[in-house]
Amino acid sequence: MAQHSERLSFIEKAGYSLGDAAANFVFMTMILFQLNFYTDTLGISAAVAGSMLLVGRLWDAFFDPMMGVLADRTNTRWGKFRPWVLWTALPWGVVMVLAYTVPGFGTTGKVLWAAVTNVLLMTLYSANNTPYSAMGGVMTGDSDERTKLSSYRFVAAMLAQLIVGGFTLPLVAKLGQGNNAKGWQMTMGLWAIVCVVCFVITFAVSRERIQPPKEQRADPKRDFSALLKNGPWVAMFVLTISHFVFVAMRGGTMFYYFQYYVDPTRLLAFLQRVGLPQATAASPDGGHSLLNVLGLILNADRSNVASVGFSLFNIMSQAVTVVGVVASTALAARYGKRAVALVGFSLAALFLAAFILLPADAVGATFGLEVLRALSYAPTIPLIWAMFADVADYAEWRTGRRTTGVVFATILFGLKTGLSLGGAIAGWLLSGYGYVANAAQSARALQGIRMTASVYPALFLVVVVVCLVFYRITRALNIQIQDELSARRAEFTGIAEAAASAR
């Protein structure tokens, strides 16, 4: 194997990773809470909310390819992709707050407000995250180094997801003081500040090193049509759609699962056993000021048992996920990215489907099964993103054209399509099973919540496994591609230098 010199410093890898940490303050809020925010705080029906999520995220999906073409055609002294992270930072923060603001309108006005702010937020997400993701493919040409970069990125992402999943609802309750609308606006304002700071740091420390051949001219029609002949791209595109249908369906319904299905008495006992304090008249903060600041104190009237339980569930899940993400680099180096992803997704599908077997009072088993699911799923997260960069290399190897922006944009199109379908399907299923917001649920509605949080999304993970079976870039082929591309780039550099000397 050729020796590559494009090693990245710790500062650059860590700084780059903050961009995805910032993105996950929107992404995970969208996955975990957006549907519930629309139904239970904004006051929109589940069916309308599901349809609105479908429209907003589909627009976002269709905008991604356009953004990829635009990014590929951007030429600045900072590079093609890096400037977009900076340009979108402040608008992102503003719209992020507006999207979780409850206006003083009637039902129709609220629906329109939610639709417009959701589309704006999704547009900014694409304008930021499509170039950001593509940038990871041009910071280094070393496949192993890119896997390490992807691991850094997703450790940061998982930590952000831990913060969002663990502390959003407690902060909404803490800052809102009984006014959920105010709590959501203030919490999202805090998260928005974090996002803007992270994006600025990412821009400041990252560098783009791989450039397309000098003679390459933009030809979007040719580049998009070539993807349809690229077998690994087709496999990853279908995989991405199915993967993020699972993410949106499962993530969007787990709070409902805790809110309406899990036995609150047994959950309270479990939370007390693991050491979460309960407020009393004599001790409003339960004797734990830090937990009180974070909103993880059980109310004296037990009204927040479900939200605190769900927050702890997310904190535990993301903490386990961080361990799995860290292990992914070593696993991939030994077994290859494709093999590790195959095993991880297969086990995750099995453990996810098993949630349907749990009775409402099996709280310990619910947390234990989530540990197994998260540990199985975690190594796949950075690996599939490193595989997207491998697909871009494969395309260059086959065609001689470097189209990183187009490859990542179309993959993100699949991601957003999956999210839009998953969120919409979740809303439609809840409505079809008879869900009623802020009320005791019927047996049929509870069954719908359980199925949408387990069996239905597990079926989409099975599709992911099938796609990986047909993905042809093995570790051996990847090494061959890296060596041949490195030789081509070295030859091109030598020719260019010789031509410059002749002049």
Protein backbone atom coordinates (compact mmCIF):
# COMPACT_ATOMS: atom_id res chain seq x y z
CA MET A 1 0.00 0.00 0.00
CA ALA A 2 1.27 3.47 -0.84
CA GLN A 3 2.27 5.71 2.02
CA HIS A 4 0.02 8.74 2.29
CA SER A 5 1.28 11.93 3.92
CA GLU A 6 -2.06 13.65 4.50
CA ARG A 7 -2.20 13.18 8.26
CA LEU A 8 -4.47 15.46 10.24
CA SER A 9 -3.58 17.04 13.56
CA PHE A 10 -5.67 16.48 16.67
CA ILE A 11 -6.71 20.16 16.58
CA GLU A 12 -8.00 19.89 13.03
CA LYS A 13 -9.87 16.64 13.63
CA ALA A 14 -11.39 17.93 16.88
CA GLY A 15 -12.27 21.30 15.35
CA TYR A 16 -13.88 19.70 12.32
CA SER A 17 -15.92 17.44 14.60
CA LEU A 18 -17.53 20.45 16.29
CA GLY A 19 -19.41 21.19 13.05
CA ASP A 20 -21.33 17.95 13.33
CA ALA A 21 -21.83 18.47 17.05
CA ALA A 22 -23.55 21.76 16.18
CA ALA A 23 -25.64 20.14 13.44
CA ASN A 24 -26.90 17.57 15.92
CA PHE A 25 -28.43 20.23 18.15
CA VAL A 26 -30.93 20.67 15.31
CA PHE A 27 -30.89 17.11 14.00
CA MET A 28 -31.58 15.35 17.30
CA THR A 29 -34.13 17.93 18.43
CA MET A 30 -35.88 17.29 15.12
CA ILE A 31 -35.69 13.51 15.51
CA LEU A 32 -36.61 13.25 19.19
CA PHE A 33 -38.92 16.18 19.85
CA GLN A 34 -40.19 17.98 16.74
CA LEU A 35 -43.27 15.81 16.20
CA ASN A 36 -44.13 15.98 19.90
CA PHE A 37 -43.51 19.76 19.97
CA TYR A 38 -45.94 20.22 17.09
CA THR A 39 -48.67 18.02 18.57
CA ASP A 40 -48.42 18.77 22.29
CA THR A 41 -47.04 22.35 22.47
CA LEU A 42 -47.94 24.04 19.20
CA GLY A 43 -51.30 22.27 19.09
CA ILE A 44 -51.25 20.70 15.60
CA SER A 45 -52.84 17.30 14.97
CA ALA A 46 -50.51 14.30 14.49
CA ALA A 47 -51.67 13.77 10.90
CA VAL A 48 -51.09 17.42 9.91
CA ALA A 49 -47.75 17.48 11.72
CA GLY A 50 -46.64 14.31 9.94
CA SER A 51 -47.60 15.73 6.54
CA MET A 52 -45.84 19.02 7.32
CA LEU A 53 -42.65 17.19 8.29
CA LEU A 54 -42.86 15.27 5.02
CA VAL A 55 -43.12 18.45 2.93
CA GLY A 56 -40.39 20.32 4.79
CA ARG A 57 -37.91 17.48 4.78
CA LEU A 58 -38.63 16.53 1.18
CA TRP A 59 -37.89 20.12 0.16
CA ASP A 60 -34.67 19.82 2.14
CA ALA A 61 -33.87 16.56 0.36
CA PHE A 62 -34.40 18.03 -3.11
CA PHE A 63 -32.32 21.09 -2.19
CA ASP A 64 -29.30 18.92 -1.29
CA PRO A 65 -28.30 18.03 -4.90
CA MET A 66 -28.58 21.70 -5.89
CA MET A 67 -26.43 22.59 -2.90
CA GLY A 68 -23.89 19.95 -3.90
CA VAL A 69 -23.57 21.41 -7.39
CA LEU A 70 -23.29 24.93 -5.94
CA ALA A 71 -20.61 23.83 -3.46
CA ASP A 72 -18.62 22.02 -6.16
CA ARG A 73 -18.67 25.23 -8.24
CA THR A 74 -17.69 27.48 -5.31
CA ASN A 75 -14.11 28.78 -5.52
CA THR A 76 -12.71 30.93 -2.73
CA ARG A 77 -9.35 31.31 -1.03
CA TRP A 78 -10.81 29.19 1.79
CA GLY A 79 -11.82 26.35 -0.52
CA LYS A 80 -15.09 25.07 -1.94
CA PHE A 81 -16.89 23.71 1.10
CA ARG A 82 -15.40 25.40 4.15
CA PRO A 83 -16.86 28.90 3.53
CA TRP A 84 -20.44 27.61 3.67
CA VAL A 85 -19.97 26.54 7.28
CA LEU A 86 -19.21 30.16 8.19
CA TRP A 87 -21.75 31.86 5.92
CA THR A 88 -24.69 29.89 7.29
CA ALA A 89 -23.76 29.99 11.00
CA LEU A 90 -25.65 33.10 12.16
CA PRO A 91 -28.82 32.58 10.02
CA TRP A 92 -28.90 29.00 11.33
CA GLY A 93 -28.98 30.22 14.94
CA VAL A 94 -31.77 32.74 14.31
CA VAL A 95 -34.06 30.36 12.41
CA MET A 96 -33.38 27.58 14.92
CA VAL A 97 -35.05 29.70 17.62
CA LEU A 98 -37.94 30.77 15.38
CA ALA A 99 -38.73 27.16 14.45
CA TYR A 100 -39.44 26.38 18.13
CA THR A 101 -41.32 29.59 18.91
CA VAL A 102 -45.10 29.43 19.46
CA PRO A 103 -46.71 32.50 17.82
CA GLY A 104 -49.96 34.01 19.05
CA PHE A 105 -51.90 32.85 15.98
CA GLY A 106 -54.90 30.60 15.45
CA THR A 107 -54.52 27.02 14.28
CA THR A 108 -54.11 27.92 10.59
CA GLY A 109 -51.55 30.61 11.41
CA LYS A 110 -49.58 28.20 13.59
CA VAL A 111 -49.53 25.59 10.83
CA LEU A 112 -48.24 28.18 8.34
CA TRP A 113 -45.66 29.46 10.84
CA ALA A 114 -44.42 25.94 11.51
CA ALA A 115 -44.30 25.12 7.79
CA VAL A 116 -42.31 28.23 6.85
CA THR A 117 -39.83 28.08 9.74
CA ASN A 118 -39.35 24.34 9.22
CA VAL A 119 -38.56 24.84 5.52
CA LEU A 120 -36.16 27.69 6.34
CA LEU A 121 -34.38 25.62 8.97
CA MET A 122 -34.09 22.63 6.65
CA THR A 123 -32.75 24.85 3.85
CA LEU A 124 -30.06 26.25 6.12
CA TYR A 125 -29.31 22.73 7.36
CA SER A 126 -28.60 21.67 3.75
CA ALA A 127 -26.62 24.81 2.94
CA ASN A 128 -24.41 24.11 5.95
CA ASN A 129 -24.28 20.34 6.30
CA THR A 130 -23.91 19.32 2.65
CA PRO A 131 -20.64 21.27 2.19
CA TYR A 132 -19.55 20.30 5.71
CA SER A 133 -19.98 16.59 4.98
CA ALA A 134 -18.24 16.89 1.60
CA MET A 135 -15.34 18.72 3.26
CA GLY A 136 -14.50 15.56 5.20
CA GLY A 137 -13.79 13.86 1.87
CA VAL A 138 -11.23 16.47 0.75
CA MET A 139 -9.32 17.12 3.97
CA THR A 140 -7.19 14.01 3.37
CA GLY A 141 -6.83 11.28 0.76
CA ASP A 142 -5.80 8.67 3.32
CA SER A 143 -8.72 6.24 3.83
CA ASP A 144 -7.61 5.21 7.34
CA GLU A 145 -7.14 8.84 8.31
CA ARG A 146 -10.64 9.62 7.01
CA THR A 147 -12.01 6.82 9.19
CA LYS A 148 -10.31 8.43 12.19
CA LEU A 149 -11.71 11.84 11.18
CA SER A 150 -15.17 10.28 10.91
CA SER A 151 -14.76 8.77 14.38
CA TYR A 152 -13.83 12.15 15.85
CA ARG A 153 -16.81 13.66 14.09
CA PHE A 154 -19.25 11.17 15.47
CA VAL A 155 -17.87 11.12 18.99
CA ALA A 156 -18.63 14.86 19.00
CA ALA A 157 -22.02 14.19 17.40
CA MET A 158 -22.88 11.56 20.01
CA LEU A 159 -21.89 13.88 22.84
CA ALA A 160 -24.14 16.55 21.34
CA GLN A 161 -26.93 14.00 21.03
CA LEU A 162 -26.40 13.05 24.68
CA ILE A 163 -26.79 16.71 25.67
CA VAL A 164 -29.87 17.22 23.48
CA GLY A 165 -31.55 13.96 24.42
CA GLY A 166 -30.66 14.21 28.08
CA PHE A 167 -31.20 17.87 28.89
CA THR A 168 -33.63 19.42 26.40
CA LEU A 169 -36.86 18.40 28.14
CA PRO A 170 -35.57 19.14 31.66
CA LEU A 171 -34.39 22.57 30.49
CA VAL A 172 -37.72 23.27 28.78
CA ALA A 173 -39.46 22.53 32.08
CA LYS A 174 -36.88 24.44 34.14
CA LEU A 175 -36.74 27.56 31.96
CA GLY A 176 -40.43 27.57 31.14
CA GLN A 177 -41.65 27.19 34.74
CA GLY A 178 -44.89 25.62 33.54
CA ASN A 179 -44.96 27.51 30.22
CA ASN A 180 -43.70 24.99 27.66
CA ALA A 181 -43.75 27.52 24.81
CA LYS A 182 -41.41 29.84 26.72
CA GLY A 183 -39.26 26.89 27.79
CA TRP A 184 -38.80 25.69 24.23
CA GLN A 185 -37.86 29.15 22.94
CA MET A 186 -35.28 29.74 25.68
CA THR A 187 -33.78 26.26 25.42
CA MET A 188 -33.40 26.52 21.65
CA GLY A 189 -31.85 29.97 22.11
CA LEU A 190 -29.20 28.39 24.32
CA TRP A 191 -28.57 25.59 21.83
CA ALA A 192 -28.38 28.15 18.97
CA ILE A 193 -25.53 30.04 20.68
CA VAL A 194 -23.61 26.78 21.05
CA CYS A 195 -24.15 26.01 17.34
CA VAL A 196 -22.84 29.34 16.07
CA VAL A 197 -19.67 29.12 18.21
CA CYS A 198 -18.99 25.55 17.03
CA PHE A 199 -19.40 26.46 13.35
CA VAL A 200 -16.95 29.35 13.64
CA ILE A 201 -14.34 27.07 15.24
CA THR A 202 -14.82 24.45 12.51
CA PHE A 203 -14.27 27.06 9.83
CA ALA A 204 -11.18 28.41 11.57
CA VAL A 205 -9.24 25.15 12.01
CA SER A 206 -10.20 22.99 8.97
CA ARG A 207 -8.38 22.90 5.63
CA GLU A 208 -9.23 21.46 2.19
CA ARG A 209 -6.33 19.59 0.56
CA ILE A 210 -7.76 17.50 -2.30
CA GLN A 211 -8.73 19.43 -5.39
CA PRO A 212 -10.36 18.18 -8.61
CA PRO A 213 -8.08 17.96 -11.68
CA LYS A 214 -7.34 21.42 -13.07
CA GLU A 215 -8.77 20.53 -16.46
CA GLN A 216 -12.08 19.30 -14.98
CA ARG A 217 -15.05 21.45 -15.96
CA ALA A 218 -18.40 21.51 -14.16
CA ASP A 219 -20.90 19.18 -15.83
CA PRO A 220 -23.76 18.41 -13.40
CA LYS A 221 -25.76 16.37 -15.92
CA ARG A 222 -22.80 14.11 -16.62
CA ASP A 223 -21.90 13.80 -12.94
CA PHE A 224 -25.44 12.89 -11.81
CA SER A 225 -25.95 10.39 -14.65
CA ALA A 226 -22.64 8.71 -13.81
CA LEU A 227 -23.90 7.98 -10.30
CA LEU A 228 -26.61 5.71 -11.66
CA LYS A 229 -23.88 3.49 -13.11
CA ASN A 230 -21.97 3.50 -9.83
CA GLY A 231 -23.01 0.32 -7.99
CA PRO A 232 -21.59 1.28 -4.55
CA TRP A 233 -23.38 4.65 -4.77
CA VAL A 234 -26.72 2.95 -5.59
CA ALA A 235 -26.30 0.59 -2.61
CA MET A 236 -25.41 3.46 -0.25
CA PHE A 237 -28.24 5.65 -1.56
CA VAL A 238 -30.92 3.03 -0.86
CA LEU A 239 -29.21 2.18 2.44
CA THR A 240 -29.30 5.84 3.50
CA ILE A 241 -33.01 6.25 2.78
CA SER A 242 -33.89 3.11 4.76
CA HIS A 243 -31.47 3.94 7.57
CA PHE A 244 -32.96 7.36 8.21
CA VAL A 245 -36.54 6.16 7.94
CA PHE A 246 -35.57 3.99 10.93
CA VAL A 247 -33.90 6.94 12.72
CA ALA A 248 -36.90 9.23 12.31
CA MET A 249 -39.58 6.65 13.11
CA ARG A 250 -37.91 5.29 16.20
CA GLY A 251 -36.54 8.58 17.49
CA GLY A 252 -39.80 10.42 16.98
CA THR A 253 -41.92 7.96 18.93
CA MET A 254 -39.74 6.97 21.92
CA PHE A 255 -40.90 9.95 23.99
CA TYR A 256 -44.50 8.91 23.35
CA TYR A 257 -43.41 5.41 24.48
CA PHE A 258 -42.23 6.80 27.83
CA GLN A 259 -45.01 9.33 28.14
CA TYR A 260 -47.92 6.95 27.57
CA TYR A 261 -46.76 3.31 27.74
CA VAL A 262 -44.03 2.86 30.37
CA ASP A 263 -45.53 2.29 33.84
CA PRO A 264 -44.93 5.59 35.73
CA THR A 265 -44.87 3.96 39.17
CA ARG A 266 -42.23 1.42 38.17
CA LEU A 267 -40.29 4.11 36.29
CA LEU A 268 -40.29 6.35 39.38
CA ALA A 269 -38.97 3.49 41.50
CA PHE A 270 -36.25 2.80 38.92
CA LEU A 271 -35.19 6.46 38.81
CA GLN A 272 -35.00 6.60 42.58
CA ARG A 273 -32.93 3.38 42.66
CA VAL A 274 -30.35 4.89 40.30
CA GLY A 275 -30.05 7.95 42.53
CA LEU A 276 -32.17 10.69 40.96
CA PRO A 277 -33.55 12.83 43.82
CA GLN A 278 -37.11 14.03 44.29
CA ALA A 279 -38.01 17.58 45.29
CA THR A 280 -39.77 18.18 48.61
CA ALA A 281 -41.13 21.22 50.37
CA ALA A 282 -38.07 21.28 52.60
CA SER A 283 -35.62 20.66 49.73
CA PRO A 284 -36.90 22.04 46.39
CA ASP A 285 -33.69 21.02 44.62
CA GLY A 286 -33.65 17.55 46.15
CA GLY A 287 -30.28 18.35 47.72
CA HIS A 288 -28.55 18.37 44.32
CA SER A 289 -28.09 21.88 42.93
CA LEU A 290 -26.36 20.76 39.69
CA LEU A 291 -29.09 18.27 38.83
CA ASN A 292 -31.62 20.97 39.63
CA VAL A 293 -29.94 23.37 37.18
CA LEU A 294 -30.09 20.66 34.52
CA GLY A 295 -33.72 19.92 35.34
CA LEU A 296 -33.12 16.31 36.42
CA ILE A 297 -34.95 16.57 39.73
CA LEU A 298 -38.20 14.62 40.06
CA ASN A 299 -41.06 16.95 40.93
CA ALA A 300 -42.80 16.44 44.26
CA ASP A 301 -46.07 15.78 42.37
CA ARG A 302 -44.26 13.29 40.06
CA SER A 303 -45.52 15.16 36.99
CA ASN A 304 -42.17 14.93 35.17
CA VAL A 305 -41.41 11.24 35.73
CA ALA A 306 -41.78 10.38 32.02
CA SER A 307 -39.61 13.27 30.78
CA VAL A 308 -36.86 12.65 33.35
CA GLY A 309 -36.97 8.93 32.59
CA PHE A 310 -36.72 9.60 28.87
CA SER A 311 -33.83 12.01 29.45
CA LEU A 312 -31.93 9.41 31.47
CA PHE A 313 -32.71 6.81 28.76
CA ASN A 314 -31.13 9.11 26.14
CA ILE A 315 -28.12 9.98 28.28
CA MET A 316 -27.41 6.29 28.86
CA SER A 317 -27.97 5.41 25.21
CA GLN A 318 -25.68 8.14 23.90
CA ALA A 319 -22.97 7.38 26.48
CA VAL A 320 -22.93 3.76 25.29
CA THR A 321 -22.96 4.97 21.68
CA VAL A 322 -19.84 7.06 22.27
CA VAL A 323 -18.01 3.90 23.40
CA GLY A 324 -19.09 2.07 20.25
CA VAL A 325 -18.09 4.97 18.00
CA VAL A 326 -14.62 5.11 19.58
CA ALA A 327 -14.23 1.36 18.98
CA SER A 328 -15.23 1.64 15.32
CA THR A 329 -11.78 2.66 14.04
CA ALA A 330 -10.07 -0.39 15.51
CA LEU A 331 -12.86 -2.71 14.38
CA ALA A 332 -12.75 -1.31 10.84
CA ALA A 333 -8.96 -1.62 10.68
CA ARG A 334 -9.19 -5.29 11.58
CA TYR A 335 -12.35 -6.44 9.79
CA GLY A 336 -13.14 -3.71 7.25
CA LYS A 337 -15.88 -1.10 7.30
CA ARG A 338 -18.43 -3.17 5.37
CA ALA A 339 -18.11 -6.25 7.60
CA VAL A 340 -18.43 -4.26 10.84
CA ALA A 341 -21.46 -2.37 9.49
CA LEU A 342 -23.15 -5.62 8.42
CA VAL A 343 -22.86 -7.17 11.86
CA GLY A 344 -23.77 -3.96 13.69
CA PHE A 345 -26.94 -3.24 11.72
CA SER A 346 -28.06 -6.89 11.90
CA LEU A 347 -27.80 -7.00 15.69
CA ALA A 348 -29.38 -3.55 16.05
CA ALA A 349 -32.41 -4.69 14.03
CA LEU A 350 -32.82 -7.73 16.26
CA PHE A 351 -32.59 -5.81 19.54
CA LEU A 352 -34.85 -3.02 18.26
CA ALA A 353 -37.63 -5.42 17.25
CA ALA A 354 -37.39 -7.06 20.69
CA PHE A 355 -38.82 -3.90 22.33
CA ILE A 356 -42.29 -5.06 21.27
CA LEU A 357 -41.97 -7.96 23.74
CA LEU A 358 -41.48 -5.72 26.79
CA PRO A 359 -44.43 -5.16 29.15
CA ALA A 360 -45.06 -1.67 30.52
CA ASP A 361 -43.58 -2.46 33.93
CA ALA A 362 -40.29 -3.92 32.60
CA VAL A 363 -38.37 -0.68 33.11
CA GLY A 364 -35.00 -2.27 33.86
CA ALA A 365 -35.30 -4.49 30.78
CA THR A 366 -36.17 -1.43 28.67
CA PHE A 367 -32.94 0.29 29.68
CA GLY A 368 -30.92 -2.93 29.39
CA LEU A 369 -32.20 -3.70 25.90
CA GLU A 370 -31.38 -0.16 24.81
CA VAL A 371 -27.77 -0.68 25.95
CA LEU A 372 -27.52 -3.73 23.65
CA ARG A 373 -29.15 -1.91 20.74
CA ALA A 374 -26.95 1.19 21.10
CA LEU A 375 -23.75 -0.83 21.49
CA SER A 376 -24.52 -2.81 18.32
CA TYR A 377 -25.55 0.22 16.29
CA ALA A 378 -22.83 2.64 17.41
CA PRO A 379 -19.86 1.39 15.33
CA THR A 380 -21.90 1.71 12.13
CA ILE A 381 -22.41 5.47 12.55
CA PRO A 382 -18.94 6.79 11.60
CA LEU A 383 -18.26 3.91 9.23
CA ILE A 384 -21.08 4.59 6.80
CA TRP A 385 -19.97 8.23 6.51
CA ALA A 386 -16.39 7.11 5.83
CA MET A 387 -17.87 4.75 3.22
CA PHE A 388 -19.52 7.73 1.48
CA ALA A 389 -16.04 9.25 0.99
CA ASP A 390 -14.89 5.87 -0.34
CA VAL A 391 -17.74 6.04 -2.88
CA ALA A 392 -16.45 9.47 -4.02
CA ASP A 393 -12.98 7.93 -4.46
CA TYR A 394 -14.49 5.00 -6.35
CA ALA A 395 -16.25 7.44 -8.71
CA GLU A 396 -12.97 9.31 -9.35
CA TRP A 397 -11.14 6.01 -9.85
CA ARG A 398 -13.71 4.88 -12.45
CA THR A 399 -14.35 8.17 -14.28
CA GLY A 400 -11.35 10.40 -13.62
CA ARG A 401 -13.65 13.12 -12.27
CA ARG A 402 -13.67 14.30 -8.65
CA THR A 403 -17.30 15.06 -7.68
CA THR A 404 -17.24 14.95 -3.88
CA GLY A 405 -19.96 17.58 -3.49
CA VAL A 406 -22.35 15.77 -5.84
CA VAL A 407 -21.75 12.39 -4.16
CA PHE A 408 -22.37 13.74 -0.66
CA ALA A 409 -25.29 15.89 -1.80
CA THR A 410 -27.10 12.93 -3.31
CA ILE A 411 -26.41 10.81 -0.25
CA LEU A 412 -27.78 13.64 1.90
CA PHE A 413 -30.77 13.75 -0.43
CA GLY A 414 -31.35 10.11 0.53
CA LEU A 415 -30.84 10.98 4.19
CA LYS A 416 -33.40 13.79 4.13
CA THR A 417 -35.83 11.69 2.08
CA GLY A 418 -35.56 8.97 4.72
CA LEU A 419 -36.09 11.49 7.51
CA SER A 420 -39.11 13.00 5.77
CA LEU A 421 -40.68 9.62 5.13
CA GLY A 422 -39.86 8.32 8.61
CA GLY A 423 -41.28 11.39 10.38
CA ALA A 424 -44.38 11.42 8.20
CA ILE A 425 -44.99 7.69 8.56
CA ALA A 426 -44.65 8.00 12.35
CA GLY A 427 -47.23 10.80 12.45
CA TRP A 428 -49.62 8.97 10.14
CA LEU A 429 -49.30 5.74 12.10
CA LEU A 430 -49.99 7.48 15.40
CA SER A 431 -53.03 9.14 13.89
CA GLY A 432 -54.19 5.89 12.28
CA TYR A 433 -53.91 4.03 15.58
CA GLY A 434 -56.02 6.72 17.29
CA TYR A 435 -53.45 8.83 19.17
CA VAL A 436 -54.91 11.83 21.05
CA ALA A 437 -52.49 14.47 22.36
CA ASN A 438 -52.24 15.05 26.14
CA ALA A 439 -54.81 12.35 26.98
CA ALA A 440 -54.93 8.77 28.18
CA GLN A 441 -54.41 6.52 25.16
CA SER A 442 -56.56 3.60 24.04
CA ALA A 443 -55.10 0.09 23.92
CA ARG A 444 -54.95 0.38 20.13
CA ALA A 445 -53.08 3.71 20.28
CA LEU A 446 -50.58 2.23 22.74
CA GLN A 447 -50.02 -0.70 20.40
CA GLY A 448 -49.35 1.78 17.59
CA ILE A 449 -46.79 3.65 19.70
CA ARG A 450 -45.04 0.38 20.57
CA MET A 451 -44.96 -0.90 16.99
CA THR A 452 -43.72 2.44 15.61
CA ALA A 453 -40.91 2.45 18.18
CA SER A 454 -39.79 -1.13 17.50
CA VAL A 455 -40.96 -3.51 14.77
CA TYR A 456 -41.70 -1.03 11.99
CA PRO A 457 -38.30 0.74 12.10
CA ALA A 458 -36.53 -2.62 12.53
CA LEU A 459 -37.89 -3.68 9.13
CA PHE A 460 -36.06 -0.75 7.54
CA LEU A 461 -32.82 -1.85 9.21
CA VAL A 462 -33.26 -5.20 7.47
CA VAL A 463 -33.26 -3.30 4.15
CA VAL A 464 -30.00 -1.62 5.25
CA VAL A 465 -28.42 -5.04 5.80
CA VAL A 466 -29.48 -6.18 2.32
CA CYS A 467 -27.91 -3.07 0.76
CA LEU A 468 -24.60 -3.76 2.52
CA VAL A 469 -24.58 -7.27 1.05
CA PHE A 470 -24.55 -5.65 -2.42
CA TYR A 471 -21.96 -2.96 -1.56
CA ARG A 472 -18.80 -4.01 -3.42
CA ILE A 473 -16.02 -1.83 -1.97
CA THR A 474 -14.17 -4.29 0.24
CA ARG A 475 -11.09 -3.39 2.29
CA ALA A 476 -8.80 -4.84 -0.42
CA LEU A 477 -10.46 -2.84 -3.22
CA ASN A 478 -10.37 0.30 -1.11
CA ILE A 479 -6.60 -0.06 -0.63
CA GLN A 480 -6.17 -0.55 -4.40
CA ILE A 481 -8.24 2.58 -5.14
CA GLN A 482 -6.25 4.69 -2.65
CA ASP A 483 -2.93 3.57 -4.11
CA GLU A 484 -3.93 4.22 -7.73
CA LEU A 485 -5.47 7.61 -6.96
CA SER A 486 -2.36 8.65 -5.01
CA ALA A 487 -0.20 7.65 -7.98
CA ARG A 488 -2.41 9.65 -10.37
CA ARG A 489 -2.29 12.74 -8.19
CA ALA A 490 1.49 12.48 -7.82
CA GLU A 491 1.85 12.13 -11.59
CA PHE A 492 -0.44 15.11 -12.17
CA THR A 493 1.54 17.21 -9.69
CA GLY A 494 4.82 16.27 -11.40
CA ILE A 495 3.48 17.18 -14.83
CA ALA A 496 2.14 20.49 -13.57
CA GLU A 497 5.47 21.34 -11.92
CA ALA A 498 7.37 20.42 -15.08
CA ALA A 499 5.09 22.62 -17.17
CA ALA A 500 5.56 25.51 -14.76
CA SER A 501 9.36 25.12 -14.93
CA ALA A 502 9.27 25.09 -18.75
CA ARG A 503 7.46 28.42 -18.71
